[in-house]
Every structure is written in C-alpha cells, then in structure tokens.
Amino acid sequence: MKTFARPVAFVLSALIALALAACNFGPSAEEIIRDGISERMDQLSDPQSQAYQDMVNSLSGAEGIDELGLDANEVVDSLFGELTYEIGDIEVDDEAGTATAQVSVTCKSLTDVTTRFLTSALGDMGSLIGTSTQEDMLTQAGDLFMDALEQTDPQQTDLELSCTEGEENVWTLDESATNAIASALIGTQQQ
C-alpha cells in the first residue's frame, strides 16, 4: 500500500503545484498602475466620462466662448478626439512603495493651436477692421480658431510618471505626474 500511495501522492502534489501556479492571486503592482493610467487617459477622450464632461462644462463657462460662437463639445472633441497613448516600461520599487511609468502621449497641443490661430487671425482680421461689425469679427475669429484646431496635427510627448502606493495596494499618480500630463495636453512640454 505504501508503494502505491507514494506515486499517487507525487502525482497529486505535482498537479496541485501546477494548479497553484496557474492561479492568479491578484494583479501585480505593474498591472494595477498600467490599468489606472489607462483608465485616466481613456477618460480624456471618452465623451461619456465625467472628466470629459468636466472639461466641456469648464469651457462652456469660459469667458468669450459664446461671443466667438464656439461650441464647447466641438472644441473638446477636436482637441482630444485623436488622443492616443502608449504605456511602456513600469519600474516598481516595492520597498519604497513607488513606481515610474514611461508613457508616450500623442495629442493636439493647445499651444500649437493658439499659435496657428493667432497667425491666421492677424492676417484675416486685419482686413475686416473698419468694414465689419464687432459681432462679425468675433464670429470670424471663432471660425479661425476652429480651423486652427482642425488643422493642427497631433504631437508625441514622452512622459515619465511617478506613482505612489497607498493603503491596500492602491496606487496613485503623484502631483508631478498629473502636471506632466496636463503640460503635454497644453503643449508646454513638447519633445
């Protein structure tokens, strides 16, 4: 009996070891960080997300938007509609509870849009002075802004985002990472 039990025990222990190796005991820190960054970036281009709606609402309340005849939804959609990102390497320091994620963001730069708009407006609006009403000039400026927005090509910016681990394996982007993403979207950190 003992001779028969040993091979069975060996086979069972091997099967248990294989089964345990296949079990997922939860996502790794890298997976949690990758998923968290993806979720945040996806919200910027998803018209159904709260972050997207917040941008539209903020822009809707911005001074001058109505006078220019701009629609906040159209502006945000044109600005972030082509937003893409790629998450590269994520280095985790388990002891320190910190991580660094390499992220490449491709989007239109608000700085580039504004530069294109101002260049166009200086030429076109000069010819309208004295021949058009202020309302016509504002409408023309709004049209020029939308043209500049649509004609601006997305640019790639490479970011290094710092993350910190909190309680219960919850990872958050550091303030510097949030600022880096905002700078990439505005266009002040082009590379």
N, C-alpha and C. Protein backbone atom coordinates (compact mmCIF):
# COMPACT_ATOMS: atom_id res chain seq x y z
N MET A 1 0.82 -1.20 0.00
CA MET A 1 0.00 0.00 0.00
C MET A 1 0.86 1.26 0.00
N LYS A 2 1.93 1.25 0.81
CA LYS A 2 2.78 2.43 0.87
C LYS A 2 3.40 2.69 -0.49
N THR A 3 3.79 1.65 -1.21
CA THR A 3 4.40 1.83 -2.53
C THR A 3 3.42 2.45 -3.51
N PHE A 4 2.17 2.09 -3.43
CA PHE A 4 1.15 2.64 -4.31
C PHE A 4 0.83 4.10 -3.93
N ALA A 5 0.85 4.41 -2.64
CA ALA A 5 0.50 5.75 -2.17
C ALA A 5 1.53 6.79 -2.57
N ARG A 6 2.80 6.40 -2.62
CA ARG A 6 3.83 7.38 -2.96
C ARG A 6 3.68 7.93 -4.37
N PRO A 7 3.52 7.10 -5.39
CA PRO A 7 3.34 7.65 -6.74
C PRO A 7 2.07 8.51 -6.86
N VAL A 8 1.00 8.09 -6.20
CA VAL A 8 -0.25 8.86 -6.25
C VAL A 8 -0.02 10.22 -5.57
N ALA A 9 0.65 10.21 -4.40
CA ALA A 9 0.93 11.45 -3.69
C ALA A 9 1.81 12.36 -4.55
N PHE A 10 2.79 11.77 -5.22
CA PHE A 10 3.68 12.55 -6.08
C PHE A 10 2.90 13.19 -7.23
N VAL A 11 2.05 12.42 -7.88
CA VAL A 11 1.26 12.93 -9.00
C VAL A 11 0.31 14.02 -8.51
N LEU A 12 -0.36 13.79 -7.37
CA LEU A 12 -1.28 14.78 -6.83
C LEU A 12 -0.55 16.07 -6.45
N SER A 13 0.61 15.95 -5.83
CA SER A 13 1.35 17.15 -5.44
C SER A 13 1.82 17.92 -6.68
N ALA A 14 2.19 17.20 -7.74
CA ALA A 14 2.59 17.86 -8.98
C ALA A 14 1.40 18.59 -9.60
N LEU A 15 0.22 17.94 -9.59
CA LEU A 15 -0.98 18.57 -10.13
C LEU A 15 -1.39 19.80 -9.32
N ILE A 16 -1.27 19.71 -7.99
CA ILE A 16 -1.60 20.85 -7.12
C ILE A 16 -0.63 22.00 -7.40
N ALA A 17 0.65 21.68 -7.55
CA ALA A 17 1.65 22.72 -7.83
C ALA A 17 1.33 23.41 -9.15
N LEU A 18 0.95 22.64 -10.17
CA LEU A 18 0.58 23.23 -11.45
C LEU A 18 -0.67 24.10 -11.33
N ALA A 19 -1.64 23.62 -10.57
CA ALA A 19 -2.88 24.37 -10.40
C ALA A 19 -2.61 25.69 -9.67
N LEU A 20 -1.76 25.65 -8.65
CA LEU A 20 -1.43 26.87 -7.91
C LEU A 20 -0.65 27.86 -8.78
N ALA A 21 0.21 27.33 -9.62
CA ALA A 21 0.98 28.20 -10.50
C ALA A 21 0.06 28.92 -11.48
N ALA A 22 -1.04 28.27 -11.86
CA ALA A 22 -1.97 28.87 -12.81
C ALA A 22 -2.94 29.84 -12.14
N CYS A 23 -3.05 29.78 -10.81
CA CYS A 23 -3.98 30.68 -10.11
C CYS A 23 -3.45 32.10 -10.13
N ASN A 24 -4.34 33.04 -10.28
CA ASN A 24 -3.97 34.44 -10.23
C ASN A 24 -4.37 34.96 -8.86
N PHE A 25 -3.41 35.32 -8.04
CA PHE A 25 -3.68 35.78 -6.69
C PHE A 25 -3.93 37.29 -6.65
N GLY A 26 -4.15 37.87 -7.78
CA GLY A 26 -4.40 39.31 -7.84
C GLY A 26 -3.41 39.95 -8.78
N PRO A 27 -3.74 41.11 -9.27
CA PRO A 27 -2.85 41.76 -10.21
C PRO A 27 -1.58 42.26 -9.54
N SER A 28 -0.54 42.30 -10.33
CA SER A 28 0.73 42.83 -9.83
C SER A 28 0.64 44.35 -9.75
N ALA A 29 1.60 44.95 -9.06
CA ALA A 29 1.63 46.41 -8.95
C ALA A 29 1.71 47.03 -10.34
N GLU A 30 2.50 46.44 -11.21
CA GLU A 30 2.63 46.95 -12.57
C GLU A 30 1.28 46.94 -13.29
N GLU A 31 0.53 45.86 -13.15
CA GLU A 31 -0.80 45.77 -13.80
C GLU A 31 -1.77 46.80 -13.23
N ILE A 32 -1.73 47.00 -11.93
CA ILE A 32 -2.61 47.99 -11.29
C ILE A 32 -2.29 49.38 -11.81
N ILE A 33 -1.00 49.71 -11.88
CA ILE A 33 -0.58 51.03 -12.37
C ILE A 33 -0.95 51.20 -13.83
N ARG A 34 -0.68 50.20 -14.64
CA ARG A 34 -1.00 50.25 -16.07
C ARG A 34 -2.51 50.46 -16.27
N ASP A 35 -3.32 49.71 -15.54
CA ASP A 35 -4.78 49.85 -15.64
C ASP A 35 -5.24 51.23 -15.18
N GLY A 36 -4.64 51.74 -14.11
CA GLY A 36 -5.01 53.05 -13.59
C GLY A 36 -4.68 54.17 -14.56
N ILE A 37 -3.50 54.11 -15.18
CA ILE A 37 -3.12 55.13 -16.16
C ILE A 37 -4.03 55.04 -17.37
N SER A 38 -4.30 53.82 -17.83
CA SER A 38 -5.19 53.63 -18.99
C SER A 38 -6.57 54.22 -18.71
N GLU A 39 -7.09 53.94 -17.53
CA GLU A 39 -8.41 54.46 -17.18
C GLU A 39 -8.44 55.98 -17.21
N ARG A 40 -7.42 56.60 -16.66
CA ARG A 40 -7.37 58.07 -16.63
C ARG A 40 -7.22 58.66 -18.03
N MET A 41 -6.35 58.07 -18.84
CA MET A 41 -6.13 58.58 -20.18
C MET A 41 -7.37 58.37 -21.05
N ASP A 42 -8.03 57.23 -20.91
CA ASP A 42 -9.23 56.95 -21.69
C ASP A 42 -10.34 57.95 -21.39
N GLN A 43 -10.40 58.43 -20.17
CA GLN A 43 -11.44 59.39 -19.79
C GLN A 43 -11.31 60.71 -20.54
N LEU A 44 -10.10 61.07 -20.93
CA LEU A 44 -9.88 62.34 -21.61
C LEU A 44 -10.50 62.39 -23.00
N SER A 45 -10.66 61.22 -23.63
CA SER A 45 -11.22 61.21 -24.98
C SER A 45 -12.59 60.53 -25.05
N ASP A 46 -13.14 60.15 -23.92
CA ASP A 46 -14.46 59.49 -23.89
C ASP A 46 -15.55 60.50 -23.56
N PRO A 47 -16.38 60.87 -24.55
CA PRO A 47 -17.43 61.87 -24.31
C PRO A 47 -18.41 61.49 -23.19
N GLN A 48 -18.45 60.24 -22.81
CA GLN A 48 -19.35 59.80 -21.75
C GLN A 48 -18.74 59.89 -20.36
N SER A 49 -17.43 60.14 -20.28
CA SER A 49 -16.76 60.14 -18.98
C SER A 49 -17.00 61.46 -18.24
N GLN A 50 -16.87 61.39 -16.93
CA GLN A 50 -17.04 62.59 -16.10
C GLN A 50 -15.92 63.60 -16.38
N ALA A 51 -14.70 63.12 -16.59
CA ALA A 51 -13.58 64.02 -16.86
C ALA A 51 -13.82 64.81 -18.14
N TYR A 52 -14.32 64.15 -19.16
CA TYR A 52 -14.61 64.81 -20.43
C TYR A 52 -15.72 65.84 -20.24
N GLN A 53 -16.77 65.45 -19.55
CA GLN A 53 -17.88 66.38 -19.30
C GLN A 53 -17.44 67.58 -18.47
N ASP A 54 -16.53 67.35 -17.52
CA ASP A 54 -15.99 68.46 -16.73
C ASP A 54 -15.24 69.46 -17.61
N MET A 55 -14.48 68.94 -18.59
CA MET A 55 -13.77 69.83 -19.50
C MET A 55 -14.76 70.65 -20.33
N VAL A 56 -15.80 69.98 -20.83
CA VAL A 56 -16.81 70.67 -21.63
C VAL A 56 -17.50 71.74 -20.79
N ASN A 57 -17.89 71.37 -19.56
CA ASN A 57 -18.58 72.33 -18.69
C ASN A 57 -17.69 73.51 -18.34
N SER A 58 -16.41 73.25 -18.08
CA SER A 58 -15.48 74.35 -17.76
C SER A 58 -15.33 75.28 -18.95
N LEU A 59 -15.21 74.70 -20.14
CA LEU A 59 -15.06 75.51 -21.34
C LEU A 59 -16.33 76.28 -21.65
N SER A 60 -17.47 75.65 -21.39
CA SER A 60 -18.75 76.32 -21.64
C SER A 60 -18.88 77.59 -20.80
N GLY A 61 -18.32 77.56 -19.61
CA GLY A 61 -18.39 78.71 -18.73
C GLY A 61 -17.27 79.71 -18.93
N ALA A 62 -16.35 79.41 -19.84
CA ALA A 62 -15.21 80.29 -20.05
C ALA A 62 -15.64 81.59 -20.73
N GLU A 63 -15.01 82.65 -20.32
CA GLU A 63 -15.32 83.97 -20.86
C GLU A 63 -15.00 84.02 -22.36
N GLY A 64 -15.94 84.51 -23.14
CA GLY A 64 -15.72 84.72 -24.56
C GLY A 64 -16.12 83.58 -25.47
N ILE A 65 -16.38 82.40 -24.92
CA ILE A 65 -16.69 81.25 -25.77
C ILE A 65 -17.97 81.48 -26.58
N ASP A 66 -18.99 82.05 -25.93
CA ASP A 66 -20.25 82.32 -26.64
C ASP A 66 -20.07 83.41 -27.69
N GLU A 67 -19.32 84.45 -27.34
CA GLU A 67 -19.12 85.56 -28.27
C GLU A 67 -18.43 85.11 -29.55
N LEU A 68 -17.57 84.09 -29.43
CA LEU A 68 -16.87 83.57 -30.60
C LEU A 68 -17.70 82.56 -31.37
N GLY A 69 -18.86 82.20 -30.81
CA GLY A 69 -19.74 81.24 -31.48
C GLY A 69 -19.19 79.83 -31.43
N LEU A 70 -18.38 79.53 -30.43
CA LEU A 70 -17.79 78.20 -30.31
C LEU A 70 -18.68 77.28 -29.48
N ASP A 71 -18.71 76.03 -29.87
CA ASP A 71 -19.43 75.01 -29.13
C ASP A 71 -18.40 74.23 -28.32
N ALA A 72 -18.56 74.21 -27.00
CA ALA A 72 -17.58 73.57 -26.12
C ALA A 72 -17.38 72.10 -26.46
N ASN A 73 -18.46 71.39 -26.79
CA ASN A 73 -18.34 69.97 -27.16
C ASN A 73 -17.46 69.80 -28.40
N GLU A 74 -17.66 70.65 -29.40
CA GLU A 74 -16.87 70.56 -30.63
C GLU A 74 -15.40 70.85 -30.36
N VAL A 75 -15.14 71.84 -29.53
CA VAL A 75 -13.76 72.20 -29.22
C VAL A 75 -13.04 71.05 -28.51
N VAL A 76 -13.68 70.51 -27.47
CA VAL A 76 -13.05 69.41 -26.71
C VAL A 76 -12.91 68.18 -27.58
N ASP A 77 -13.92 67.89 -28.40
CA ASP A 77 -13.85 66.72 -29.28
C ASP A 77 -12.71 66.86 -30.29
N SER A 78 -12.56 68.04 -30.87
CA SER A 78 -11.49 68.24 -31.84
C SER A 78 -10.11 68.21 -31.17
N LEU A 79 -10.03 68.73 -29.95
CA LEU A 79 -8.76 68.77 -29.24
C LEU A 79 -8.32 67.38 -28.78
N PHE A 80 -9.26 66.58 -28.26
CA PHE A 80 -8.89 65.28 -27.68
C PHE A 80 -9.36 64.08 -28.50
N GLY A 81 -10.03 64.31 -29.62
CA GLY A 81 -10.55 63.20 -30.43
C GLY A 81 -9.48 62.29 -30.99
N GLU A 82 -8.29 62.80 -31.21
CA GLU A 82 -7.20 61.99 -31.77
C GLU A 82 -6.17 61.60 -30.71
N LEU A 83 -6.50 61.79 -29.45
CA LEU A 83 -5.58 61.47 -28.37
C LEU A 83 -5.31 59.97 -28.33
N THR A 84 -4.03 59.62 -28.33
CA THR A 84 -3.62 58.23 -28.15
C THR A 84 -2.48 58.20 -27.13
N TYR A 85 -2.25 57.06 -26.58
CA TYR A 85 -1.15 56.93 -25.62
C TYR A 85 -0.64 55.50 -25.66
N GLU A 86 0.59 55.36 -25.22
CA GLU A 86 1.20 54.03 -25.12
C GLU A 86 1.97 53.98 -23.80
N ILE A 87 1.65 52.99 -23.01
CA ILE A 87 2.34 52.82 -21.73
C ILE A 87 3.49 51.85 -21.95
N GLY A 88 4.68 52.31 -21.66
CA GLY A 88 5.87 51.49 -21.84
C GLY A 88 6.24 50.78 -20.54
N ASP A 89 7.51 50.83 -20.22
CA ASP A 89 8.02 50.16 -19.02
C ASP A 89 7.49 50.82 -17.75
N ILE A 90 7.24 49.99 -16.75
CA ILE A 90 6.86 50.47 -15.43
C ILE A 90 7.82 49.83 -14.44
N GLU A 91 8.59 50.67 -13.76
CA GLU A 91 9.54 50.17 -12.77
C GLU A 91 8.95 50.39 -11.39
N VAL A 92 8.84 49.31 -10.63
CA VAL A 92 8.23 49.36 -9.30
C VAL A 92 9.30 49.11 -8.25
N ASP A 93 9.35 49.96 -7.24
CA ASP A 93 10.21 49.76 -6.08
C ASP A 93 9.28 49.38 -4.93
N ASP A 94 9.14 48.07 -4.71
CA ASP A 94 8.20 47.56 -3.70
C ASP A 94 8.53 48.06 -2.30
N GLU A 95 9.82 48.14 -1.97
CA GLU A 95 10.21 48.57 -0.63
C GLU A 95 9.83 50.02 -0.37
N ALA A 96 10.06 50.87 -1.35
CA ALA A 96 9.76 52.30 -1.19
C ALA A 96 8.29 52.62 -1.45
N GLY A 97 7.58 51.69 -2.12
CA GLY A 97 6.18 51.94 -2.46
C GLY A 97 6.04 53.01 -3.53
N THR A 98 7.00 53.02 -4.47
CA THR A 98 6.96 54.00 -5.56
C THR A 98 7.13 53.28 -6.89
N ALA A 99 6.74 53.96 -7.95
CA ALA A 99 6.90 53.40 -9.29
C ALA A 99 7.06 54.55 -10.27
N THR A 100 7.65 54.22 -11.41
CA THR A 100 7.80 55.17 -12.50
C THR A 100 7.31 54.50 -13.78
N ALA A 101 6.39 55.17 -14.46
CA ALA A 101 5.83 54.63 -15.70
C ALA A 101 6.25 55.50 -16.87
N GLN A 102 6.70 54.86 -17.92
CA GLN A 102 7.05 55.56 -19.16
C GLN A 102 5.79 55.58 -20.03
N VAL A 103 5.32 56.77 -20.37
CA VAL A 103 4.09 56.90 -21.15
C VAL A 103 4.33 57.87 -22.30
N SER A 104 3.92 57.46 -23.48
CA SER A 104 4.01 58.31 -24.66
C SER A 104 2.59 58.77 -25.00
N VAL A 105 2.39 60.09 -25.03
CA VAL A 105 1.07 60.67 -25.30
C VAL A 105 1.13 61.40 -26.64
N THR A 106 0.17 61.12 -27.51
CA THR A 106 0.08 61.82 -28.78
C THR A 106 -1.26 62.53 -28.83
N CYS A 107 -1.20 63.85 -28.93
CA CYS A 107 -2.42 64.65 -28.96
C CYS A 107 -2.13 66.02 -29.56
N LYS A 108 -3.19 66.75 -29.84
CA LYS A 108 -3.03 68.11 -30.32
C LYS A 108 -2.57 68.98 -29.16
N SER A 109 -1.70 69.90 -29.46
CA SER A 109 -1.19 70.82 -28.46
C SER A 109 -2.00 72.11 -28.51
N LEU A 110 -2.56 72.50 -27.38
CA LEU A 110 -3.31 73.74 -27.33
C LEU A 110 -2.40 74.94 -27.66
N THR A 111 -1.13 74.84 -27.31
CA THR A 111 -0.18 75.90 -27.65
C THR A 111 -0.02 76.00 -29.16
N ASP A 112 0.09 74.86 -29.84
CA ASP A 112 0.20 74.86 -31.30
C ASP A 112 -1.07 75.43 -31.94
N VAL A 113 -2.22 75.05 -31.40
CA VAL A 113 -3.50 75.55 -31.92
C VAL A 113 -3.56 77.07 -31.79
N THR A 114 -3.19 77.56 -30.61
CA THR A 114 -3.24 79.00 -30.35
C THR A 114 -2.28 79.76 -31.26
N THR A 115 -1.09 79.24 -31.46
CA THR A 115 -0.11 79.88 -32.35
C THR A 115 -0.66 79.95 -33.78
N ARG A 116 -1.21 78.85 -34.25
CA ARG A 116 -1.79 78.80 -35.60
C ARG A 116 -2.95 79.80 -35.72
N PHE A 117 -3.80 79.83 -34.68
CA PHE A 117 -4.95 80.74 -34.66
C PHE A 117 -4.50 82.20 -34.72
N LEU A 118 -3.54 82.56 -33.87
CA LEU A 118 -3.08 83.95 -33.82
C LEU A 118 -2.44 84.39 -35.13
N THR A 119 -1.66 83.51 -35.74
CA THR A 119 -1.04 83.82 -37.03
C THR A 119 -2.12 84.06 -38.08
N SER A 120 -3.11 83.21 -38.11
CA SER A 120 -4.20 83.34 -39.07
C SER A 120 -5.04 84.58 -38.78
N ALA A 121 -5.35 84.79 -37.50
CA ALA A 121 -6.22 85.91 -37.11
C ALA A 121 -5.57 87.25 -37.43
N LEU A 122 -4.27 87.38 -37.23
CA LEU A 122 -3.59 88.65 -37.51
C LEU A 122 -3.73 89.02 -38.98
N GLY A 123 -3.65 88.03 -39.85
CA GLY A 123 -3.78 88.31 -41.27
C GLY A 123 -5.22 88.56 -41.69
N ASP A 124 -6.11 87.68 -41.29
CA ASP A 124 -7.50 87.77 -41.75
C ASP A 124 -8.28 88.88 -41.07
N MET A 125 -8.08 89.04 -39.78
CA MET A 125 -8.89 90.01 -39.04
C MET A 125 -8.50 91.45 -39.39
N GLY A 126 -7.26 91.66 -39.77
CA GLY A 126 -6.82 93.00 -40.13
C GLY A 126 -7.63 93.56 -41.29
N SER A 127 -7.99 92.70 -42.24
CA SER A 127 -8.75 93.16 -43.40
C SER A 127 -10.21 93.46 -43.05
N LEU A 128 -10.68 92.94 -41.91
CA LEU A 128 -12.07 93.16 -41.51
C LEU A 128 -12.28 94.42 -40.69
N ILE A 129 -11.19 94.94 -40.12
CA ILE A 129 -11.32 96.12 -39.25
C ILE A 129 -11.87 97.29 -40.07
N GLY A 130 -12.88 97.91 -39.56
CA GLY A 130 -13.50 99.05 -40.21
C GLY A 130 -14.55 98.68 -41.23
N THR A 131 -14.57 97.42 -41.66
CA THR A 131 -15.55 97.01 -42.67
C THR A 131 -16.61 96.08 -42.11
N SER A 132 -16.41 95.59 -40.89
CA SER A 132 -17.35 94.63 -40.30
C SER A 132 -17.74 95.06 -38.90
N THR A 133 -18.86 94.50 -38.45
CA THR A 133 -19.30 94.77 -37.09
C THR A 133 -18.46 93.94 -36.13
N GLN A 134 -18.51 94.32 -34.87
CA GLN A 134 -17.77 93.57 -33.86
C GLN A 134 -18.28 92.14 -33.80
N GLU A 135 -19.56 91.95 -33.95
CA GLU A 135 -20.15 90.60 -33.92
C GLU A 135 -19.61 89.75 -35.07
N ASP A 136 -19.52 90.35 -36.27
CA ASP A 136 -18.97 89.62 -37.41
C ASP A 136 -17.51 89.25 -37.18
N MET A 137 -16.77 90.16 -36.60
CA MET A 137 -15.35 89.89 -36.33
C MET A 137 -15.18 88.77 -35.32
N LEU A 138 -16.04 88.75 -34.29
CA LEU A 138 -15.96 87.68 -33.29
C LEU A 138 -16.33 86.33 -33.91
N THR A 139 -17.34 86.32 -34.76
CA THR A 139 -17.73 85.09 -35.44
C THR A 139 -16.59 84.60 -36.33
N GLN A 140 -15.96 85.53 -37.05
CA GLN A 140 -14.82 85.18 -37.90
C GLN A 140 -13.67 84.62 -37.04
N ALA A 141 -13.43 85.23 -35.90
CA ALA A 141 -12.37 84.74 -35.00
C ALA A 141 -12.69 83.32 -34.53
N GLY A 142 -13.95 83.05 -34.20
CA GLY A 142 -14.35 81.71 -33.79
C GLY A 142 -14.12 80.69 -34.90
N ASP A 143 -14.46 81.08 -36.13
CA ASP A 143 -14.23 80.19 -37.28
C ASP A 143 -12.75 79.93 -37.48
N LEU A 144 -11.95 80.98 -37.32
CA LEU A 144 -10.49 80.82 -37.48
C LEU A 144 -9.92 79.91 -36.39
N PHE A 145 -10.46 80.02 -35.17
CA PHE A 145 -9.98 79.16 -34.09
C PHE A 145 -10.29 77.70 -34.40
N MET A 146 -11.53 77.42 -34.84
CA MET A 146 -11.90 76.04 -35.17
C MET A 146 -11.06 75.51 -36.34
N ASP A 147 -10.79 76.36 -37.33
CA ASP A 147 -9.92 75.94 -38.44
C ASP A 147 -8.53 75.59 -37.92
N ALA A 148 -8.00 76.43 -37.04
CA ALA A 148 -6.67 76.16 -36.47
C ALA A 148 -6.67 74.86 -35.68
N LEU A 149 -7.74 74.62 -34.95
CA LEU A 149 -7.86 73.40 -34.15
C LEU A 149 -7.91 72.17 -35.04
N GLU A 150 -8.67 72.25 -36.12
CA GLU A 150 -8.79 71.10 -37.02
C GLU A 150 -7.53 70.86 -37.84
N GLN A 151 -6.76 71.92 -38.13
CA GLN A 151 -5.57 71.79 -38.96
C GLN A 151 -4.31 71.43 -38.17
N THR A 152 -4.38 71.50 -36.87
CA THR A 152 -3.20 71.19 -36.04
C THR A 152 -3.04 69.68 -35.93
N ASP A 153 -1.84 69.22 -36.21
CA ASP A 153 -1.55 67.78 -36.14
C ASP A 153 -1.19 67.39 -34.71
N PRO A 154 -1.56 66.18 -34.32
CA PRO A 154 -1.16 65.69 -33.00
C PRO A 154 0.37 65.54 -32.92
N GLN A 155 0.90 65.80 -31.74
CA GLN A 155 2.33 65.68 -31.48
C GLN A 155 2.56 64.66 -30.36
N GLN A 156 3.68 63.96 -30.44
CA GLN A 156 4.01 62.97 -29.41
C GLN A 156 4.87 63.59 -28.33
N THR A 157 4.53 63.28 -27.08
CA THR A 157 5.31 63.70 -25.93
C THR A 157 5.58 62.48 -25.07
N ASP A 158 6.83 62.28 -24.70
CA ASP A 158 7.20 61.16 -23.83
C ASP A 158 7.25 61.65 -22.39
N LEU A 159 6.55 60.94 -21.53
CA LEU A 159 6.45 61.33 -20.13
C LEU A 159 6.99 60.25 -19.22
N GLU A 160 7.46 60.66 -18.07
CA GLU A 160 7.86 59.75 -17.00
C GLU A 160 6.98 60.09 -15.81
N LEU A 161 6.03 59.19 -15.52
CA LEU A 161 5.03 59.46 -14.50
C LEU A 161 5.36 58.73 -13.21
N SER A 162 5.40 59.48 -12.12
CA SER A 162 5.69 58.90 -10.80
C SER A 162 4.39 58.50 -10.12
N CYS A 163 4.42 57.35 -9.46
CA CYS A 163 3.26 56.84 -8.74
C CYS A 163 3.68 56.45 -7.33
N THR A 164 2.71 56.50 -6.42
CA THR A 164 2.98 56.13 -5.03
C THR A 164 1.91 55.14 -4.58
N GLU A 165 2.37 54.14 -3.82
CA GLU A 165 1.45 53.13 -3.30
C GLU A 165 0.87 53.61 -1.98
N GLY A 166 -0.43 53.49 -1.87
CA GLY A 166 -1.12 53.83 -0.63
C GLY A 166 -1.54 52.55 0.08
N GLU A 167 -2.55 52.66 0.91
CA GLU A 167 -3.04 51.50 1.64
C GLU A 167 -3.74 50.52 0.71
N GLU A 168 -3.70 49.27 1.05
CA GLU A 168 -4.37 48.18 0.33
C GLU A 168 -4.01 48.13 -1.15
N ASN A 169 -2.72 48.34 -1.45
CA ASN A 169 -2.21 48.23 -2.80
C ASN A 169 -2.88 49.19 -3.78
N VAL A 170 -3.29 50.36 -3.30
CA VAL A 170 -3.87 51.39 -4.15
C VAL A 170 -2.75 52.32 -4.60
N TRP A 171 -2.58 52.44 -5.90
CA TRP A 171 -1.53 53.28 -6.48
C TRP A 171 -2.16 54.55 -7.03
N THR A 172 -1.50 55.67 -6.81
CA THR A 172 -1.99 56.95 -7.32
C THR A 172 -0.86 57.67 -8.06
N LEU A 173 -1.26 58.46 -9.06
CA LEU A 173 -0.30 59.30 -9.75
C LEU A 173 0.09 60.44 -8.82
N ASP A 174 1.39 60.75 -8.77
CA ASP A 174 1.85 61.88 -7.98
C ASP A 174 1.40 63.18 -8.66
N GLU A 175 1.43 64.26 -7.90
CA GLU A 175 1.05 65.56 -8.46
C GLU A 175 1.92 65.92 -9.65
N SER A 176 3.20 65.57 -9.58
CA SER A 176 4.11 65.87 -10.69
C SER A 176 3.68 65.13 -11.96
N ALA A 177 3.15 63.92 -11.81
CA ALA A 177 2.67 63.15 -12.96
C ALA A 177 1.43 63.79 -13.56
N THR A 178 0.52 64.23 -12.71
CA THR A 178 -0.69 64.90 -13.18
C THR A 178 -0.33 66.18 -13.92
N ASN A 179 0.62 66.94 -13.37
CA ASN A 179 1.08 68.17 -14.02
C ASN A 179 1.76 67.88 -15.36
N ALA A 180 2.50 66.77 -15.43
CA ALA A 180 3.18 66.40 -16.68
C ALA A 180 2.17 66.07 -17.77
N ILE A 181 1.10 65.36 -17.41
CA ILE A 181 0.05 65.04 -18.38
C ILE A 181 -0.62 66.33 -18.85
N ALA A 182 -0.96 67.22 -17.92
CA ALA A 182 -1.59 68.49 -18.28
C ALA A 182 -0.67 69.30 -19.19
N SER A 183 0.62 69.34 -18.90
CA SER A 183 1.58 70.08 -19.72
C SER A 183 1.66 69.50 -21.13
N ALA A 184 1.60 68.17 -21.24
CA ALA A 184 1.62 67.53 -22.56
C ALA A 184 0.38 67.91 -23.36
N LEU A 185 -0.77 67.97 -22.70
CA LEU A 185 -2.00 68.32 -23.39
C LEU A 185 -2.04 69.78 -23.80
N ILE A 186 -1.46 70.63 -22.98
CA ILE A 186 -1.41 72.05 -23.30
C ILE A 186 -0.33 72.33 -24.34
N GLY A 187 0.74 71.54 -24.29
CA GLY A 187 1.80 71.70 -25.27
C GLY A 187 3.02 72.41 -24.76
N THR A 188 3.14 72.53 -23.45
CA THR A 188 4.30 73.23 -22.90
C THR A 188 5.46 72.29 -22.65
N GLN A 189 5.29 71.01 -22.94
CA GLN A 189 6.35 70.03 -22.66
C GLN A 189 6.64 69.20 -23.91
N GLN A 190 6.59 69.79 -25.08
CA GLN A 190 6.84 69.06 -26.32
C GLN A 190 8.27 68.57 -26.38
N GLN A 191 8.45 67.38 -26.93
CA GLN A 191 9.81 66.83 -27.09
C GLN A 191 10.03 66.47 -28.54
